[in-house]
Amino acid sequence: MALDFCMLSADGRPEMTVPFGPDDHAMLFCAVAPGSLLSRASEYYEDTEFSSSEISLLLGELATITQRMPPAVDALRALCREAAQRGCGIVAVAD
């Protein structure tokens, strides 16, 4: 099981997906400040959504992480950049 961060297509299907396994997820959320925007996805088994207006803030939070992170975090940054370029949000889906 993975927590998938994804951009959804117009018909609601995942178009671009970044899977986070439990270890990747734990590493990321040890580095995230409580109460941050990203902390909304801290529960591994719950879905959450980030609107298009929140993507630049999410990218800002990801930029503040200085610890060494798994490749999934870089992929999440790329997903957020693509979502910002397209003007859409992303969802985190417990798969």
C-alpha atoms as a PDB file:
ATOM      1  CA  MET A   1       0.000   0.000   0.000  1.00  0.00           C
ATOM      2  CA  ALA A   2       1.212   3.490  -0.827  1.00  0.00           C
ATOM      3  CA  LEU A   3       0.032   7.025  -0.277  1.00  0.00           C
ATOM      4  CA  ASP A   4      -0.144   8.383  -3.824  1.00  0.00           C
ATOM      5  CA  PHE A   5       0.191  12.092  -4.492  1.00  0.00           C
ATOM      6  CA  CYS A   6      -1.444  12.749  -7.861  1.00  0.00           C
ATOM      7  CA  MET A   7      -2.719  15.262 -10.315  1.00  0.00           C
ATOM      8  CA  LEU A   8      -6.114  14.297 -11.598  1.00  0.00           C
ATOM      9  CA  SER A   9      -7.208  14.535 -15.208  1.00  0.00           C
ATOM     10  CA  ALA A  10     -10.407  16.341 -16.181  1.00  0.00           C
ATOM     11  CA  ASP A  11     -12.329  13.086 -15.779  1.00  0.00           C
ATOM     12  CA  GLY A  12     -10.975  12.536 -12.257  1.00  0.00           C
ATOM     13  CA  ARG A  13      -8.456   9.802 -13.010  1.00  0.00           C
ATOM     14  CA  PRO A  14      -4.861  10.039 -11.734  1.00  0.00           C
ATOM     15  CA  GLU A  15      -2.735  11.557 -14.497  1.00  0.00           C
ATOM     16  CA  MET A  16       0.620  11.888 -12.753  1.00  0.00           C
ATOM     17  CA  THR A  17       1.341   9.926  -9.588  1.00  0.00           C
ATOM     18  CA  VAL A  18       4.089   9.938  -6.966  1.00  0.00           C
ATOM     19  CA  PRO A  19       3.824   6.956  -4.605  1.00  0.00           C
ATOM     20  CA  PHE A  20       5.081   7.248  -1.032  1.00  0.00           C
ATOM     21  CA  GLY A  21       5.768   4.028   0.823  1.00  0.00           C
ATOM     22  CA  PRO A  22       5.617   3.982   4.627  1.00  0.00           C
ATOM     23  CA  ASP A  23       9.344   4.669   5.060  1.00  0.00           C
ATOM     24  CA  ASP A  24       9.347   7.570   2.574  1.00  0.00           C
ATOM     25  CA  HIS A  25       6.260   8.998   4.259  1.00  0.00           C
ATOM     26  CA  ALA A  26       7.780   8.705   7.741  1.00  0.00           C
ATOM     27  CA  MET A  27      10.997  10.449   6.676  1.00  0.00           C
ATOM     28  CA  LEU A  28       9.097  13.319   5.085  1.00  0.00           C
ATOM     29  CA  PHE A  29       6.782  13.900   8.006  1.00  0.00           C
ATOM     30  CA  CYS A  30       9.603  13.822  10.555  1.00  0.00           C
ATOM     31  CA  ALA A  31      10.953  16.870   8.692  1.00  0.00           C
ATOM     32  CA  VAL A  32       7.640  18.735   8.304  1.00  0.00           C
ATOM     33  CA  ALA A  33       6.549  21.302  10.866  1.00  0.00           C
ATOM     34  CA  PRO A  34       3.336  20.507  12.733  1.00  0.00           C
ATOM     35  CA  GLY A  35       0.486  22.651  11.466  1.00  0.00           C
ATOM     36  CA  SER A  36       2.107  23.151   8.066  1.00  0.00           C
ATOM     37  CA  LEU A  37       0.078  22.787   4.902  1.00  0.00           C
ATOM     38  CA  LEU A  38       1.887  19.563   4.057  1.00  0.00           C
ATOM     39  CA  SER A  39       1.059  18.130   7.488  1.00  0.00           C
ATOM     40  CA  ARG A  40      -2.507  17.627   6.225  1.00  0.00           C
ATOM     41  CA  ALA A  41      -1.141  14.532   4.468  1.00  0.00           C
ATOM     42  CA  SER A  42       0.620  13.232   7.567  1.00  0.00           C
ATOM     43  CA  GLU A  43      -1.961  10.483   8.120  1.00  0.00           C
ATOM     44  CA  TYR A  44      -0.808   7.694   5.835  1.00  0.00           C
ATOM     45  CA  TYR A  45      -4.224   6.058   5.550  1.00  0.00           C
ATOM     46  CA  GLU A  46      -6.332   9.142   4.805  1.00  0.00           C
ATOM     47  CA  ASP A  47      -6.964  11.041   1.585  1.00  0.00           C
ATOM     48  CA  THR A  48      -6.380  14.782   1.428  1.00  0.00           C
ATOM     49  CA  GLU A  49      -6.532  17.477  -1.206  1.00  0.00           C
ATOM     50  CA  PHE A  50      -4.449  20.553  -2.007  1.00  0.00           C
ATOM     51  CA  SER A  51      -6.178  23.172  -4.141  1.00  0.00           C
ATOM     52  CA  SER A  52      -4.471  24.947  -7.007  1.00  0.00           C
ATOM     53  CA  SER A  53      -4.093  28.071  -4.842  1.00  0.00           C
ATOM     54  CA  GLU A  54      -2.120  26.034  -2.257  1.00  0.00           C
ATOM     55  CA  ILE A  55       0.456  24.501  -4.602  1.00  0.00           C
ATOM     56  CA  SER A  56       2.941  27.396  -4.461  1.00  0.00           C
ATOM     57  CA  LEU A  57       2.731  27.325  -0.651  1.00  0.00           C
ATOM     58  CA  LEU A  58       3.294  23.574  -0.709  1.00  0.00           C
ATOM     59  CA  LEU A  59       6.366  24.056  -2.898  1.00  0.00           C
ATOM     60  CA  GLY A  60       7.635  26.649  -0.435  1.00  0.00           C
ATOM     61  CA  GLU A  61       7.288  24.198   2.434  1.00  0.00           C
ATOM     62  CA  LEU A  62       9.066  21.475   0.477  1.00  0.00           C
ATOM     63  CA  ALA A  63      11.897  23.924  -0.265  1.00  0.00           C
ATOM     64  CA  THR A  64      12.545  24.448   3.449  1.00  0.00           C
ATOM     65  CA  ILE A  65      13.363  20.787   4.052  1.00  0.00           C
ATOM     66  CA  THR A  66      17.129  20.547   4.346  1.00  0.00           C
ATOM     67  CA  GLN A  67      17.496  16.961   5.542  1.00  0.00           C
ATOM     68  CA  ARG A  68      18.352  14.235   3.084  1.00  0.00           C
ATOM     69  CA  MET A  69      15.081  12.870   1.708  1.00  0.00           C
ATOM     70  CA  PRO A  70      14.105   9.856  -0.400  1.00  0.00           C
ATOM     71  CA  PRO A  71      13.674  10.311  -4.174  1.00  0.00           C
ATOM     72  CA  ALA A  72       9.885  10.416  -3.717  1.00  0.00           C
ATOM     73  CA  VAL A  73      10.229  13.901  -2.202  1.00  0.00           C
ATOM     74  CA  ASP A  74      12.003  15.211  -5.309  1.00  0.00           C
ATOM     75  CA  ALA A  75       9.283  13.590  -7.416  1.00  0.00           C
ATOM     76  CA  LEU A  76       6.650  15.335  -5.260  1.00  0.00           C
ATOM     77  CA  ARG A  77       8.385  18.673  -5.867  1.00  0.00           C
ATOM     78  CA  ALA A  78       8.289  18.003  -9.616  1.00  0.00           C
ATOM     79  CA  LEU A  79       4.605  17.055  -9.391  1.00  0.00           C
ATOM     80  CA  CYS A  80       3.866  20.305  -7.546  1.00  0.00           C
ATOM     81  CA  ARG A  81       5.774  22.337 -10.141  1.00  0.00           C
ATOM     82  CA  GLU A  82       3.762  20.682 -12.917  1.00  0.00           C
ATOM     83  CA  ALA A  83       0.503  21.301 -11.048  1.00  0.00           C
ATOM     84  CA  ALA A  84       1.460  24.961 -10.568  1.00  0.00           C
ATOM     85  CA  GLN A  85       2.229  25.285 -14.278  1.00  0.00           C
ATOM     86  CA  ARG A  86      -1.130  23.735 -15.191  1.00  0.00           C
ATOM     87  CA  GLY A  87      -3.026  25.670 -12.542  1.00  0.00           C
ATOM     88  CA  CYS A  88      -4.454  22.588 -10.884  1.00  0.00           C
ATOM     89  CA  GLY A  89      -4.369  21.016  -7.437  1.00  0.00           C
ATOM     90  CA  ILE A  90      -3.141  17.647  -6.255  1.00  0.00           C
ATOM     91  CA  VAL A  91      -4.603  14.953  -4.066  1.00  0.00           C
ATOM     92  CA  ALA A  92      -3.030  12.423  -1.738  1.00  0.00           C
ATOM     93  CA  VAL A  93      -4.877   9.130  -2.021  1.00  0.00           C
ATOM     94  CA  ALA A  94      -4.404   6.213   0.342  1.00  0.00           C
ATOM     95  CA  ASP A  95      -4.136   3.445  -2.204  1.00  0.00           C
END
